[in-house]
């Protein structure tokens, strides 16, 4: 499959942004290709389209599956696995937030809880204890907020995001003119 100029630019950029976000470039490019194309593709087609080694594609597909960003599908008369992603940007956003939270945020909250409950903690300097407790409180608040946001429907979440921008302007004292 040959990519249009628009598709090519989208896939390349998404790979660059993936790298900036700590995601392997090929992983991000494959996800971008599946999202942009909008139809299931098999690994050989992905490999040829992106000019990436088949082994790299296989590893990247496994990573995307581990992140719950793609799923395997099959087509009648074809024994190969095909891969597809959600075409709903809000569903993708929720998946990424949930996965990052589980992998990055929750382990930090657990560690901070363990630290504040540990016998050694009381021997730390009071200002260090305060900083750790403030960090834990901040992360607990952020966690509660993200839980609430993830429960909202996409249309409600979009309204909340727009309302947040309006609230910010109001707090800053912008006249809106």
N, C-alpha and C. Protein backbone atom coordinates (compact mmCIF):
# COMPACT_ATOMS: atom_id res chain seq x y z
N UNK A 1 0.86 -1.17 0.00
CA UNK A 1 0.00 0.00 0.00
C UNK A 1 0.90 1.23 0.00
N UNK A 2 0.58 2.16 -0.85
CA UNK A 2 1.35 3.41 -0.90
C UNK A 2 0.58 4.48 -0.14
N UNK A 3 1.30 5.23 0.68
CA UNK A 3 0.67 6.28 1.47
C UNK A 3 0.56 7.57 0.67
N UNK A 4 -0.55 8.25 0.85
CA UNK A 4 -0.69 9.59 0.28
C UNK A 4 0.27 10.51 1.04
N UNK A 5 0.48 11.70 0.51
CA UNK A 5 1.34 12.67 1.18
C UNK A 5 0.81 12.99 2.58
N UNK A 6 -0.50 13.15 2.68
CA UNK A 6 -1.13 13.46 3.97
C UNK A 6 -0.90 12.32 4.96
N UNK A 7 -1.17 11.09 4.52
CA UNK A 7 -0.98 9.93 5.39
C UNK A 7 0.48 9.81 5.81
N UNK A 8 1.37 10.00 4.86
CA UNK A 8 2.81 9.91 5.14
C UNK A 8 3.21 10.92 6.21
N UNK A 9 2.80 12.14 6.04
CA UNK A 9 3.14 13.19 7.02
C UNK A 9 2.53 12.89 8.38
N UNK A 10 1.29 12.39 8.41
CA UNK A 10 0.63 12.04 9.67
C UNK A 10 1.41 10.95 10.39
N UNK A 11 1.75 9.89 9.69
CA UNK A 11 2.46 8.75 10.28
C UNK A 11 3.84 9.17 10.78
N UNK A 12 4.57 9.93 9.97
CA UNK A 12 5.91 10.38 10.36
C UNK A 12 5.82 11.27 11.60
N UNK A 13 4.91 12.21 11.59
CA UNK A 13 4.76 13.11 12.74
C UNK A 13 4.37 12.35 14.00
N UNK A 14 3.42 11.42 13.86
CA UNK A 14 2.97 10.66 15.03
C UNK A 14 4.13 9.85 15.62
N UNK A 15 4.99 9.34 14.76
CA UNK A 15 6.18 8.63 15.23
C UNK A 15 7.11 9.55 16.00
N UNK A 16 7.29 10.77 15.48
CA UNK A 16 8.14 11.75 16.18
C UNK A 16 7.54 12.13 17.52
N UNK A 17 6.23 12.33 17.55
CA UNK A 17 5.57 12.68 18.82
C UNK A 17 5.63 11.50 19.79
N UNK A 18 5.48 10.29 19.27
CA UNK A 18 5.60 9.12 20.13
C UNK A 18 6.95 9.10 20.82
N UNK A 19 7.99 9.38 20.07
CA UNK A 19 9.34 9.42 20.67
C UNK A 19 9.41 10.48 21.77
N UNK A 20 8.80 11.63 21.53
CA UNK A 20 8.79 12.70 22.53
C UNK A 20 8.03 12.28 23.78
N UNK A 21 7.04 11.40 23.63
CA UNK A 21 6.22 10.95 24.76
C UNK A 21 6.75 9.67 25.38
N UNK A 22 7.93 9.22 24.92
CA UNK A 22 8.53 8.01 25.49
C UNK A 22 8.03 6.72 24.88
N UNK A 23 7.47 6.79 23.69
CA UNK A 23 6.98 5.61 22.97
C UNK A 23 7.90 5.36 21.79
N UNK A 24 8.22 4.12 21.55
CA UNK A 24 9.05 3.74 20.42
C UNK A 24 8.46 4.31 19.13
N UNK A 25 9.32 4.88 18.30
CA UNK A 25 8.88 5.53 17.06
C UNK A 25 8.07 4.58 16.17
N UNK A 26 8.55 3.36 15.98
CA UNK A 26 7.84 2.42 15.10
C UNK A 26 6.49 2.04 15.68
N UNK A 27 6.42 1.87 16.98
CA UNK A 27 5.14 1.57 17.64
C UNK A 27 4.15 2.69 17.33
N UNK A 28 4.58 3.93 17.49
CA UNK A 28 3.69 5.07 17.23
C UNK A 28 3.32 5.15 15.76
N UNK A 29 4.26 4.88 14.87
CA UNK A 29 3.96 4.95 13.43
C UNK A 29 2.96 3.87 13.02
N UNK A 30 3.11 2.69 13.57
CA UNK A 30 2.16 1.62 13.23
C UNK A 30 0.76 1.99 13.71
N UNK A 31 0.69 2.51 14.93
CA UNK A 31 -0.63 2.92 15.44
C UNK A 31 -1.21 4.02 14.56
N UNK A 32 -0.38 4.98 14.17
CA UNK A 32 -0.85 6.07 13.30
C UNK A 32 -1.34 5.53 11.96
N UNK A 33 -0.61 4.57 11.39
CA UNK A 33 -1.02 3.97 10.12
C UNK A 33 -2.38 3.29 10.25
N UNK A 34 -2.55 2.50 11.30
CA UNK A 34 -3.83 1.80 11.49
C UNK A 34 -4.97 2.79 11.72
N UNK A 35 -4.70 3.82 12.48
CA UNK A 35 -5.72 4.83 12.75
C UNK A 35 -6.07 5.60 11.48
N UNK A 36 -5.07 6.06 10.77
CA UNK A 36 -5.31 6.85 9.55
C UNK A 36 -6.00 6.01 8.47
N UNK A 37 -5.50 4.79 8.28
CA UNK A 37 -6.04 3.91 7.24
C UNK A 37 -7.48 3.51 7.56
N UNK A 38 -7.75 3.25 8.84
CA UNK A 38 -9.12 2.96 9.27
C UNK A 38 -9.62 1.57 8.98
N UNK A 39 -8.74 0.69 8.49
CA UNK A 39 -9.13 -0.69 8.20
C UNK A 39 -8.04 -1.62 8.71
N UNK A 40 -8.41 -2.87 9.02
CA UNK A 40 -7.40 -3.82 9.51
C UNK A 40 -6.31 -4.08 8.46
N UNK A 41 -5.09 -4.20 8.93
CA UNK A 41 -3.95 -4.52 8.07
C UNK A 41 -3.20 -5.71 8.67
N UNK A 42 -2.59 -6.51 7.80
CA UNK A 42 -1.76 -7.61 8.31
C UNK A 42 -0.32 -7.13 8.43
N UNK A 43 0.48 -7.87 9.18
CA UNK A 43 1.84 -7.44 9.52
C UNK A 43 2.71 -7.20 8.28
N UNK A 44 2.58 -8.04 7.27
CA UNK A 44 3.40 -7.87 6.07
C UNK A 44 3.08 -6.55 5.37
N UNK A 45 1.79 -6.23 5.33
CA UNK A 45 1.36 -4.98 4.71
C UNK A 45 1.90 -3.77 5.49
N UNK A 46 1.88 -3.87 6.80
CA UNK A 46 2.41 -2.80 7.64
C UNK A 46 3.91 -2.66 7.40
N UNK A 47 4.60 -3.79 7.38
CA UNK A 47 6.05 -3.81 7.18
C UNK A 47 6.42 -3.17 5.84
N UNK A 48 5.74 -3.55 4.78
CA UNK A 48 6.01 -3.01 3.45
C UNK A 48 5.67 -1.52 3.36
N UNK A 49 4.54 -1.14 3.91
CA UNK A 49 4.10 0.25 3.82
C UNK A 49 5.05 1.20 4.54
N UNK A 50 5.52 0.77 5.72
CA UNK A 50 6.39 1.64 6.52
C UNK A 50 7.87 1.39 6.27
N UNK A 51 8.18 0.40 5.42
CA UNK A 51 9.58 0.02 5.16
C UNK A 51 10.32 -0.27 6.46
N UNK A 52 9.70 -1.13 7.26
CA UNK A 52 10.23 -1.51 8.57
C UNK A 52 10.39 -3.02 8.58
N UNK A 53 11.44 -3.50 9.19
CA UNK A 53 11.69 -4.94 9.27
C UNK A 53 10.49 -5.65 9.90
N UNK A 54 10.20 -6.83 9.38
CA UNK A 54 9.06 -7.62 9.86
C UNK A 54 9.18 -7.92 11.35
N UNK A 55 10.40 -8.17 11.84
CA UNK A 55 10.59 -8.46 13.27
C UNK A 55 10.27 -7.22 14.12
N UNK A 56 10.62 -6.05 13.61
CA UNK A 56 10.30 -4.80 14.31
C UNK A 56 8.79 -4.60 14.36
N UNK A 57 8.12 -4.91 13.26
CA UNK A 57 6.66 -4.80 13.21
C UNK A 57 6.03 -5.75 14.22
N UNK A 58 6.52 -7.00 14.27
CA UNK A 58 5.97 -7.97 15.22
C UNK A 58 6.11 -7.49 16.66
N UNK A 59 7.29 -7.01 17.01
CA UNK A 59 7.52 -6.51 18.37
C UNK A 59 6.65 -5.30 18.66
N UNK A 60 6.52 -4.43 17.69
CA UNK A 60 5.71 -3.22 17.87
C UNK A 60 4.23 -3.56 18.01
N UNK A 61 3.76 -4.53 17.25
CA UNK A 61 2.37 -4.96 17.37
C UNK A 61 2.09 -5.55 18.74
N UNK A 62 3.04 -6.32 19.26
CA UNK A 62 2.89 -6.87 20.62
C UNK A 62 2.80 -5.75 21.64
N UNK A 63 3.63 -4.73 21.47
CA UNK A 63 3.61 -3.59 22.39
C UNK A 63 2.26 -2.88 22.32
N UNK A 64 1.75 -2.67 21.13
CA UNK A 64 0.44 -2.03 20.98
C UNK A 64 -0.67 -2.87 21.59
N UNK A 65 -0.57 -4.18 21.47
CA UNK A 65 -1.55 -5.07 22.09
C UNK A 65 -1.45 -4.98 23.61
N UNK A 66 -0.22 -4.92 24.14
CA UNK A 66 -0.03 -4.78 25.59
C UNK A 66 -0.64 -3.49 26.12
N UNK A 67 -0.66 -2.46 25.30
CA UNK A 67 -1.24 -1.18 25.68
C UNK A 67 -2.75 -1.14 25.41
N UNK A 68 -3.30 -2.24 24.89
CA UNK A 68 -4.73 -2.32 24.55
C UNK A 68 -5.13 -1.29 23.50
N UNK A 69 -4.19 -0.94 22.62
CA UNK A 69 -4.47 0.04 21.57
C UNK A 69 -4.82 -0.60 20.24
N UNK A 70 -4.53 -1.88 20.08
CA UNK A 70 -4.94 -2.58 18.86
C UNK A 70 -5.51 -3.94 19.24
N UNK A 71 -6.22 -4.51 18.31
CA UNK A 71 -6.78 -5.86 18.51
C UNK A 71 -6.59 -6.66 17.23
N UNK A 72 -6.55 -7.96 17.41
CA UNK A 72 -6.39 -8.87 16.28
C UNK A 72 -7.77 -9.19 15.71
N UNK A 73 -7.84 -9.17 14.38
CA UNK A 73 -9.07 -9.58 13.70
C UNK A 73 -8.67 -10.57 12.59
N UNK A 74 -9.66 -11.20 12.01
CA UNK A 74 -9.39 -12.16 10.94
C UNK A 74 -10.34 -11.89 9.78
N UNK A 75 -9.92 -12.33 8.61
CA UNK A 75 -10.75 -12.18 7.43
C UNK A 75 -10.99 -13.55 6.82
N UNK A 76 -12.19 -13.74 6.30
CA UNK A 76 -12.55 -15.02 5.69
C UNK A 76 -11.56 -15.40 4.60
N UNK A 77 -11.12 -16.65 4.64
CA UNK A 77 -10.24 -17.16 3.62
C UNK A 77 -8.78 -16.75 3.78
N UNK A 78 -8.46 -16.06 4.83
CA UNK A 78 -7.08 -15.62 5.06
C UNK A 78 -6.67 -16.04 6.46
N UNK A 79 -5.58 -16.77 6.56
CA UNK A 79 -5.14 -17.30 7.86
C UNK A 79 -4.32 -16.29 8.66
N UNK A 80 -3.95 -15.19 8.03
CA UNK A 80 -3.12 -14.20 8.71
C UNK A 80 -3.92 -13.42 9.76
N UNK A 81 -3.20 -12.92 10.74
CA UNK A 81 -3.79 -12.00 11.70
C UNK A 81 -3.80 -10.61 11.10
N UNK A 82 -4.89 -9.92 11.27
CA UNK A 82 -5.01 -8.52 10.88
C UNK A 82 -5.11 -7.70 12.16
N UNK A 83 -4.67 -6.47 12.09
CA UNK A 83 -4.64 -5.62 13.27
C UNK A 83 -5.43 -4.35 12.99
N UNK A 84 -6.21 -3.95 13.99
CA UNK A 84 -6.99 -2.73 13.87
C UNK A 84 -6.95 -1.98 15.19
N UNK A 85 -7.24 -0.71 15.11
CA UNK A 85 -7.32 0.14 16.29
C UNK A 85 -8.68 0.81 16.31
N UNK A 86 -9.03 1.34 17.45
CA UNK A 86 -10.27 2.10 17.53
C UNK A 86 -10.14 3.34 16.64
N UNK A 87 -11.21 3.72 16.04
CA UNK A 87 -11.23 4.92 15.22
C UNK A 87 -11.84 6.09 16.00
N UNK A 88 -12.20 5.81 17.25
CA UNK A 88 -12.79 6.82 18.14
C UNK A 88 -11.67 7.46 18.95
N UNK A 89 -11.37 8.72 18.67
CA UNK A 89 -10.26 9.40 19.33
C UNK A 89 -10.46 9.47 20.84
N UNK A 90 -11.71 9.57 21.29
CA UNK A 90 -11.97 9.63 22.74
C UNK A 90 -11.68 8.28 23.39
N UNK A 91 -12.04 7.20 22.72
CA UNK A 91 -11.74 5.86 23.25
C UNK A 91 -10.22 5.66 23.33
N UNK A 92 -9.51 6.10 22.30
CA UNK A 92 -8.04 6.00 22.32
C UNK A 92 -7.47 6.83 23.47
N UNK A 93 -7.96 8.04 23.65
CA UNK A 93 -7.51 8.89 24.75
C UNK A 93 -7.72 8.20 26.09
N UNK A 94 -8.90 7.65 26.29
CA UNK A 94 -9.20 6.96 27.56
C UNK A 94 -8.28 5.76 27.76
N UNK A 95 -8.05 5.00 26.72
CA UNK A 95 -7.17 3.83 26.82
C UNK A 95 -5.77 4.26 27.22
N UNK A 96 -5.26 5.28 26.56
CA UNK A 96 -3.90 5.75 26.86
C UNK A 96 -3.82 6.27 28.29
N UNK A 97 -4.80 7.04 28.71
CA UNK A 97 -4.80 7.57 30.09
C UNK A 97 -4.85 6.42 31.09
N UNK A 98 -5.75 5.45 30.86
CA UNK A 98 -5.86 4.30 31.78
C UNK A 98 -4.55 3.52 31.85
N UNK A 99 -3.96 3.24 30.70
CA UNK A 99 -2.73 2.45 30.66
C UNK A 99 -1.56 3.19 31.30
N UNK A 100 -1.42 4.47 31.00
CA UNK A 100 -0.33 5.26 31.60
C UNK A 100 -0.54 5.38 33.11
N UNK A 101 -1.78 5.55 33.49
CA UNK A 101 -2.06 5.63 34.93
C UNK A 101 -1.66 4.34 35.62
N UNK A 102 -2.05 3.22 35.07
CA UNK A 102 -1.73 1.91 35.67
C UNK A 102 -0.22 1.66 35.71
N UNK A 103 0.49 2.06 34.67
CA UNK A 103 1.91 1.76 34.57
C UNK A 103 2.80 2.78 35.28
N UNK A 104 2.38 4.03 35.35
CA UNK A 104 3.25 5.10 35.85
C UNK A 104 2.74 5.78 37.11
N UNK A 105 1.47 6.12 37.11
CA UNK A 105 0.91 6.91 38.19
C UNK A 105 0.68 6.06 39.45
N UNK A 106 -0.03 4.94 39.30
CA UNK A 106 -0.38 4.12 40.46
C UNK A 106 0.83 3.57 41.21
N UNK A 107 1.90 3.12 40.51
CA UNK A 107 3.08 2.67 41.27
C UNK A 107 3.71 3.79 42.11
N UNK A 108 3.64 5.02 41.60
CA UNK A 108 4.18 6.15 42.36
C UNK A 108 3.33 6.43 43.59
N UNK A 109 2.02 6.38 43.45
CA UNK A 109 1.14 6.58 44.60
C UNK A 109 1.37 5.48 45.64
N UNK A 110 1.51 4.24 45.18
CA UNK A 110 1.77 3.13 46.12
C UNK A 110 3.08 3.36 46.87
N UNK A 111 4.13 3.77 46.14
CA UNK A 111 5.41 4.02 46.80
C UNK A 111 5.30 5.15 47.82
N UNK A 112 4.66 6.24 47.44
CA UNK A 112 4.50 7.36 48.38
C UNK A 112 3.72 6.94 49.63
N UNK A 113 2.67 6.13 49.43
CA UNK A 113 1.93 5.60 50.59
C UNK A 113 2.84 4.74 51.47
N UNK A 114 3.61 3.85 50.84
CA UNK A 114 4.54 3.01 51.61
C UNK A 114 5.55 3.86 52.38
N UNK A 115 6.09 4.87 51.71
CA UNK A 115 7.08 5.72 52.37
C UNK A 115 6.49 6.43 53.58
N UNK A 116 5.30 7.01 53.43
CA UNK A 116 4.70 7.76 54.54
C UNK A 116 4.27 6.85 55.69
N UNK A 117 4.02 5.58 55.39
CA UNK A 117 3.61 4.63 56.43
C UNK A 117 4.80 3.92 57.08
N UNK A 118 5.98 4.04 56.48
CA UNK A 118 7.15 3.32 56.96
C UNK A 118 7.73 3.91 58.25
N UNK A 119 8.39 3.07 59.01
CA UNK A 119 9.02 3.50 60.26
C UNK A 119 10.10 4.54 60.02
N UNK A 120 10.80 4.45 58.90
CA UNK A 120 11.89 5.38 58.60
C UNK A 120 11.41 6.80 58.34
N UNK A 121 10.17 6.93 57.90
CA UNK A 121 9.66 8.22 57.47
C UNK A 121 9.71 9.26 58.59
N UNK A 122 9.38 8.85 59.81
CA UNK A 122 9.36 9.78 60.94
C UNK A 122 10.76 10.34 61.25
N UNK A 123 11.79 9.66 60.80
CA UNK A 123 13.16 10.12 61.05
C UNK A 123 13.65 11.11 59.99
N UNK A 124 12.86 11.31 58.96
CA UNK A 124 13.24 12.27 57.92
C UNK A 124 12.99 13.69 58.43
N UNK A 125 13.65 14.64 57.81
CA UNK A 125 13.46 16.05 58.17
C UNK A 125 12.00 16.44 57.97
N UNK A 126 11.45 17.24 58.87
CA UNK A 126 10.04 17.63 58.75
C UNK A 126 9.68 18.24 57.38
N UNK A 127 10.58 19.07 56.82
CA UNK A 127 10.26 19.67 55.52
C UNK A 127 10.24 18.62 54.42
N UNK A 128 11.09 17.60 54.52
CA UNK A 128 11.07 16.50 53.53
C UNK A 128 9.77 15.70 53.68
N UNK A 129 9.35 15.45 54.92
CA UNK A 129 8.09 14.75 55.16
C UNK A 129 6.92 15.54 54.54
N UNK A 130 6.95 16.85 54.75
CA UNK A 130 5.88 17.69 54.20
C UNK A 130 5.83 17.60 52.68
N UNK A 131 6.99 17.63 52.03
CA UNK A 131 7.02 17.57 50.56
C UNK A 131 6.48 16.24 50.06
N UNK A 132 6.85 15.15 50.73
CA UNK A 132 6.35 13.84 50.30
C UNK A 132 4.84 13.75 50.53
N UNK A 133 4.36 14.21 51.66
CA UNK A 133 2.91 14.19 51.94
C UNK A 133 2.16 15.09 50.94
N UNK A 134 2.71 16.27 50.63
CA UNK A 134 2.07 17.16 49.66
C UNK A 134 2.02 16.51 48.28
N UNK A 135 3.08 15.82 47.92
CA UNK A 135 3.11 15.13 46.63
C UNK A 135 2.05 14.04 46.60
N UNK A 136 1.94 13.28 47.69
CA UNK A 136 0.94 12.23 47.77
C UNK A 136 -0.47 12.82 47.70
N UNK A 137 -0.72 13.91 48.43
CA UNK A 137 -2.04 14.55 48.41
C UNK A 137 -2.36 15.07 47.01
N UNK A 138 -1.36 15.69 46.37
CA UNK A 138 -1.56 16.18 45.00
C UNK A 138 -1.92 15.03 44.07
N UNK A 139 -1.16 13.94 44.16
CA UNK A 139 -1.41 12.81 43.26
C UNK A 139 -2.75 12.15 43.55
N UNK A 140 -3.16 12.11 44.81
CA UNK A 140 -4.47 11.56 45.15
C UNK A 140 -5.58 12.42 44.55
N UNK A 141 -5.43 13.73 44.63
CA UNK A 141 -6.41 14.64 44.05
C UNK A 141 -6.46 14.48 42.53
N UNK A 142 -5.29 14.45 41.91
CA UNK A 142 -5.22 14.27 40.47
C UNK A 142 -5.81 12.92 40.06
N UNK A 143 -5.56 11.88 40.84
CA UNK A 143 -6.12 10.56 40.55
C UNK A 143 -7.63 10.55 40.63
N UNK A 144 -8.19 11.20 41.66
CA UNK A 144 -9.65 11.28 41.80
C UNK A 144 -10.26 12.05 40.63
N UNK A 145 -9.60 13.16 40.27
CA UNK A 145 -10.09 13.96 39.16
C UNK A 145 -10.07 13.15 37.86
N UNK A 146 -8.97 12.43 37.60
CA UNK A 146 -8.89 11.67 36.35
C UNK A 146 -9.91 10.53 36.34
N UNK A 147 -10.17 9.92 37.51
CA UNK A 147 -11.21 8.89 37.58
C UNK A 147 -12.56 9.47 37.16
N UNK A 148 -12.88 10.64 37.68
CA UNK A 148 -14.15 11.28 37.34
C UNK A 148 -14.21 11.63 35.85
N UNK A 149 -13.13 12.15 35.31
CA UNK A 149 -13.10 12.52 33.89
C UNK A 149 -13.27 11.29 33.00
N UNK A 150 -12.66 10.18 33.39
CA UNK A 150 -12.76 8.96 32.57
C UNK A 150 -14.16 8.36 32.60
N UNK A 151 -14.95 8.69 33.62
CA UNK A 151 -16.32 8.17 33.72
C UNK A 151 -17.29 8.93 32.80
N UNK A 152 -16.89 10.12 32.38
CA UNK A 152 -17.79 10.95 31.57
C UNK A 152 -17.88 10.44 30.14
N UNK A 153 -19.03 10.67 29.54
CA UNK A 153 -19.18 10.35 28.12
C UNK A 153 -18.30 11.32 27.32
N UNK A 154 -17.92 10.95 26.11
CA UNK A 154 -17.12 11.86 25.30
C UNK A 154 -17.75 13.24 25.13
N UNK A 155 -19.06 13.29 24.91
CA UNK A 155 -19.70 14.59 24.69
C UNK A 155 -19.66 15.43 25.97
N UNK A 156 -19.86 14.80 27.12
CA UNK A 156 -19.79 15.54 28.38
C UNK A 156 -18.36 15.96 28.67
N UNK A 157 -17.41 15.09 28.40
CA UNK A 157 -16.00 15.43 28.63
C UNK A 157 -15.60 16.62 27.74
N UNK A 158 -16.07 16.63 26.53
CA UNK A 158 -15.76 17.73 25.63
C UNK A 158 -16.34 19.04 26.17
N UNK A 159 -17.55 18.99 26.72
CA UNK A 159 -18.16 20.18 27.32
C UNK A 159 -17.35 20.64 28.53
N UNK A 160 -16.91 19.70 29.36
CA UNK A 160 -16.11 20.05 30.55
C UNK A 160 -14.81 20.72 30.12
N UNK A 161 -14.16 20.18 29.09
CA UNK A 161 -12.91 20.77 28.62
C UNK A 161 -13.14 22.19 28.10
N UNK A 162 -14.21 22.39 27.34
CA UNK A 162 -14.53 23.73 26.84
C UNK A 162 -14.87 24.67 28.00
N UNK A 163 -15.63 24.15 28.97
CA UNK A 163 -15.98 24.95 30.12
C UNK A 163 -14.73 25.34 30.92
N UNK A 164 -13.77 24.42 31.00
CA UNK A 164 -12.52 24.70 31.71
C UNK A 164 -11.80 25.88 31.10
N UNK A 165 -11.80 25.97 29.79
CA UNK A 165 -11.17 27.11 29.12
C UNK A 165 -11.91 28.40 29.46
N UNK A 166 -13.23 28.35 29.52
CA UNK A 166 -14.03 29.53 29.87
C UNK A 166 -13.78 29.93 31.31
N UNK A 167 -13.70 28.97 32.20
CA UNK A 167 -13.44 29.26 33.61
C UNK A 167 -12.07 29.92 33.76
N UNK A 168 -11.09 29.41 33.03
CA UNK A 168 -9.75 29.99 33.10
C UNK A 168 -9.78 31.46 32.67
N UNK A 169 -10.46 31.75 31.60
CA UNK A 169 -10.57 33.14 31.13
C UNK A 169 -11.25 34.01 32.18
N UNK A 170 -12.30 33.47 32.81
CA UNK A 170 -13.01 34.20 33.85
C UNK A 170 -12.10 34.48 35.04
N UNK A 171 -11.35 33.48 35.49
CA UNK A 171 -10.45 33.64 36.62
C UNK A 171 -9.35 34.65 36.32
N UNK A 172 -8.84 34.63 35.09
CA UNK A 172 -7.81 35.59 34.68
C UNK A 172 -8.37 36.99 34.52
N UNK A 173 -9.70 37.08 34.35
CA UNK A 173 -10.32 38.40 34.17
C UNK A 173 -10.40 38.83 32.72
N UNK A 174 -10.26 37.87 31.79
CA UNK A 174 -10.39 38.20 30.36
C UNK A 174 -11.82 38.64 30.09
N UNK A 175 -11.97 39.67 29.28
CA UNK A 175 -13.30 40.17 28.97
C UNK A 175 -13.99 39.36 27.89
N UNK A 176 -13.21 38.57 27.15
CA UNK A 176 -13.78 37.77 26.08
C UNK A 176 -13.93 38.54 24.79
N UNK A 177 -13.49 39.79 24.80
CA UNK A 177 -13.62 40.61 23.58
C UNK A 177 -12.37 40.51 22.73
